[in-house]
């Protein structure tokens, strides 16, 4: 597990954090793209976020039922938010 974190670039870590914060992005999408399980994502978030941000994210991830594909409503078929193309390194670009 530690070696999986060492192979991630700073940009990959930023993208994983961004995907984990998005309500519509399931953990399975992160696993497909970055080969990190849900537990690995949780450990990465705990390591990278401030403790207050970690608590907020963890509470939010528990409350959102569609963070797992099996619990997801069939009508929800996209992983990205409408503003995702405007997001760069976890910052929304000025318009």
C-alpha atoms as a PDB file:
ATOM      1  CA  UNK A   1       0.000   0.000   0.000  1.00  0.00           C
ATOM      2  CA  UNK A   2       2.799   2.386   0.844  1.00  0.00           C
ATOM      3  CA  UNK A   3       4.428   1.715  -2.527  1.00  0.00           C
ATOM      4  CA  UNK A   4       1.145   2.600  -4.282  1.00  0.00           C
ATOM      5  CA  UNK A   5       1.223   6.038  -2.618  1.00  0.00           C
ATOM      6  CA  UNK A   6       4.866   6.554  -3.564  1.00  0.00           C
ATOM      7  CA  UNK A   7       4.057   5.985  -7.247  1.00  0.00           C
ATOM      8  CA  UNK A   8       1.449   8.760  -7.295  1.00  0.00           C
ATOM      9  CA  UNK A   9       2.487  12.166  -8.543  1.00  0.00           C
ATOM     10  CA  UNK A  10       1.347  15.333  -6.792  1.00  0.00           C
ATOM     11  CA  UNK A  11      -1.062  15.921  -9.659  1.00  0.00           C
ATOM     12  CA  UNK A  12      -2.540  12.405  -9.218  1.00  0.00           C
ATOM     13  CA  UNK A  13      -2.999  12.988  -5.485  1.00  0.00           C
ATOM     14  CA  UNK A  14      -4.784  16.288  -6.227  1.00  0.00           C
ATOM     15  CA  UNK A  15      -7.053  14.536  -8.723  1.00  0.00           C
ATOM     16  CA  UNK A  16      -7.878  11.717  -6.280  1.00  0.00           C
ATOM     17  CA  UNK A  17      -8.777  14.266  -3.600  1.00  0.00           C
ATOM     18  CA  UNK A  18     -10.936  16.133  -6.104  1.00  0.00           C
ATOM     19  CA  UNK A  19     -12.716  12.937  -7.161  1.00  0.00           C
ATOM     20  CA  UNK A  20     -13.224  11.848  -3.549  1.00  0.00           C
ATOM     21  CA  UNK A  21     -14.892  15.168  -2.694  1.00  0.00           C
ATOM     22  CA  UNK A  22     -17.283  14.932  -5.654  1.00  0.00           C
ATOM     23  CA  UNK A  23     -20.554  13.333  -4.600  1.00  0.00           C
ATOM     24  CA  UNK A  24     -21.197  11.696  -7.958  1.00  0.00           C
ATOM     25  CA  UNK A  25     -17.793  10.055  -8.318  1.00  0.00           C
ATOM     26  CA  UNK A  26     -17.902   6.518  -6.889  1.00  0.00           C
ATOM     27  CA  UNK A  27     -14.931   4.889  -5.206  1.00  0.00           C
ATOM     28  CA  UNK A  28     -14.941   2.335  -8.022  1.00  0.00           C
ATOM     29  CA  UNK A  29     -14.070   5.070 -10.550  1.00  0.00           C
ATOM     30  CA  UNK A  30     -11.048   6.041  -8.460  1.00  0.00           C
ATOM     31  CA  UNK A  31     -10.039   2.389  -8.233  1.00  0.00           C
ATOM     32  CA  UNK A  32     -10.282   1.916 -11.996  1.00  0.00           C
ATOM     33  CA  UNK A  33      -8.272   5.025 -12.777  1.00  0.00           C
ATOM     34  CA  UNK A  34      -5.650   4.966  -9.991  1.00  0.00           C
ATOM     35  CA  UNK A  35      -5.696   1.350  -8.702  1.00  0.00           C
ATOM     36  CA  UNK A  36      -6.530   2.487  -5.147  1.00  0.00           C
ATOM     37  CA  UNK A  37      -9.189   0.702  -3.113  1.00  0.00           C
ATOM     38  CA  UNK A  38     -11.702   2.583  -0.981  1.00  0.00           C
ATOM     39  CA  UNK A  39      -9.533   1.952   2.092  1.00  0.00           C
ATOM     40  CA  UNK A  40      -6.486   3.341   0.268  1.00  0.00           C
ATOM     41  CA  UNK A  41      -8.448   6.468  -0.667  1.00  0.00           C
ATOM     42  CA  UNK A  42      -9.520   6.893   2.953  1.00  0.00           C
ATOM     43  CA  UNK A  43      -5.906   6.579   4.123  1.00  0.00           C
ATOM     44  CA  UNK A  44      -4.740   9.023   1.462  1.00  0.00           C
ATOM     45  CA  UNK A  45      -7.426  11.545   2.437  1.00  0.00           C
ATOM     46  CA  UNK A  46      -6.512  11.202   6.113  1.00  0.00           C
ATOM     47  CA  UNK A  47      -2.846  11.773   5.290  1.00  0.00           C
ATOM     48  CA  UNK A  48      -3.345  14.720   2.920  1.00  0.00           C
ATOM     49  CA  UNK A  49      -6.198  16.697   4.512  1.00  0.00           C
ATOM     50  CA  UNK A  50      -6.236  18.825   7.641  1.00  0.00           C
ATOM     51  CA  UNK A  51      -7.995  17.056  10.499  1.00  0.00           C
ATOM     52  CA  UNK A  52     -11.079  19.291  10.273  1.00  0.00           C
ATOM     53  CA  UNK A  53     -11.323  18.752   6.508  1.00  0.00           C
ATOM     54  CA  UNK A  54     -10.848  15.017   7.017  1.00  0.00           C
ATOM     55  CA  UNK A  55     -13.769  14.889   9.472  1.00  0.00           C
ATOM     56  CA  UNK A  56     -16.022  16.856   7.105  1.00  0.00           C
ATOM     57  CA  UNK A  57     -15.131  14.626   4.149  1.00  0.00           C
ATOM     58  CA  UNK A  58     -15.574  11.403   6.095  1.00  0.00           C
ATOM     59  CA  UNK A  59     -18.981  12.463   7.396  1.00  0.00           C
ATOM     60  CA  UNK A  60     -20.015  13.493   3.897  1.00  0.00           C
ATOM     61  CA  UNK A  61     -18.745  10.272   2.308  1.00  0.00           C
ATOM     62  CA  UNK A  62     -20.745   8.229   4.823  1.00  0.00           C
ATOM     63  CA  UNK A  63     -23.931  10.210   4.166  1.00  0.00           C
ATOM     64  CA  UNK A  64     -23.754  10.024   0.367  1.00  0.00           C
ATOM     65  CA  UNK A  65     -25.206   6.681  -0.618  1.00  0.00           C
ATOM     66  CA  UNK A  66     -24.095   6.865  -4.253  1.00  0.00           C
ATOM     67  CA  UNK A  67     -20.337   6.814  -3.528  1.00  0.00           C
ATOM     68  CA  UNK A  68     -20.632   3.085  -4.365  1.00  0.00           C
ATOM     69  CA  UNK A  69     -21.930   1.846  -7.705  1.00  0.00           C
ATOM     70  CA  UNK A  70     -24.060  -0.877  -6.114  1.00  0.00           C
ATOM     71  CA  UNK A  71     -25.961   1.686  -3.996  1.00  0.00           C
ATOM     72  CA  UNK A  72     -26.323   4.164  -6.852  1.00  0.00           C
ATOM     73  CA  UNK A  73     -29.631   5.080  -8.444  1.00  0.00           C
ATOM     74  CA  UNK A  74     -29.800   3.726 -12.023  1.00  0.00           C
ATOM     75  CA  UNK A  75     -30.729   7.170 -13.345  1.00  0.00           C
ATOM     76  CA  UNK A  76     -27.379   8.609 -12.210  1.00  0.00           C
ATOM     77  CA  UNK A  77     -25.027   7.688 -15.006  1.00  0.00           C
ATOM     78  CA  UNK A  78     -22.249  10.285 -15.029  1.00  0.00           C
ATOM     79  CA  UNK A  79     -19.214  10.637 -12.784  1.00  0.00           C
ATOM     80  CA  UNK A  80     -18.354  14.275 -13.430  1.00  0.00           C
ATOM     81  CA  UNK A  81     -19.933  17.469 -12.215  1.00  0.00           C
ATOM     82  CA  UNK A  82     -20.875  20.091 -14.805  1.00  0.00           C
ATOM     83  CA  UNK A  83     -17.955  22.351 -13.802  1.00  0.00           C
ATOM     84  CA  UNK A  84     -15.263  19.660 -13.788  1.00  0.00           C
ATOM     85  CA  UNK A  85     -13.605  20.779 -17.010  1.00  0.00           C
ATOM     86  CA  UNK A  86     -13.027  24.181 -15.384  1.00  0.00           C
ATOM     87  CA  UNK A  87     -11.272  22.741 -12.336  1.00  0.00           C
ATOM     88  CA  UNK A  88      -7.479  22.737 -12.328  1.00  0.00           C
ATOM     89  CA  UNK A  89      -5.455  21.340  -9.414  1.00  0.00           C
ATOM     90  CA  UNK A  90      -8.443  21.606  -7.025  1.00  0.00           C
ATOM     91  CA  UNK A  91      -9.063  25.272  -7.820  1.00  0.00           C
ATOM     92  CA  UNK A  92     -11.923  26.538  -9.930  1.00  0.00           C
ATOM     93  CA  UNK A  93     -10.518  28.739 -12.675  1.00  0.00           C
ATOM     94  CA  UNK A  94     -11.511  32.380 -12.783  1.00  0.00           C
ATOM     95  CA  UNK A  95     -14.147  32.992 -15.372  1.00  0.00           C
END
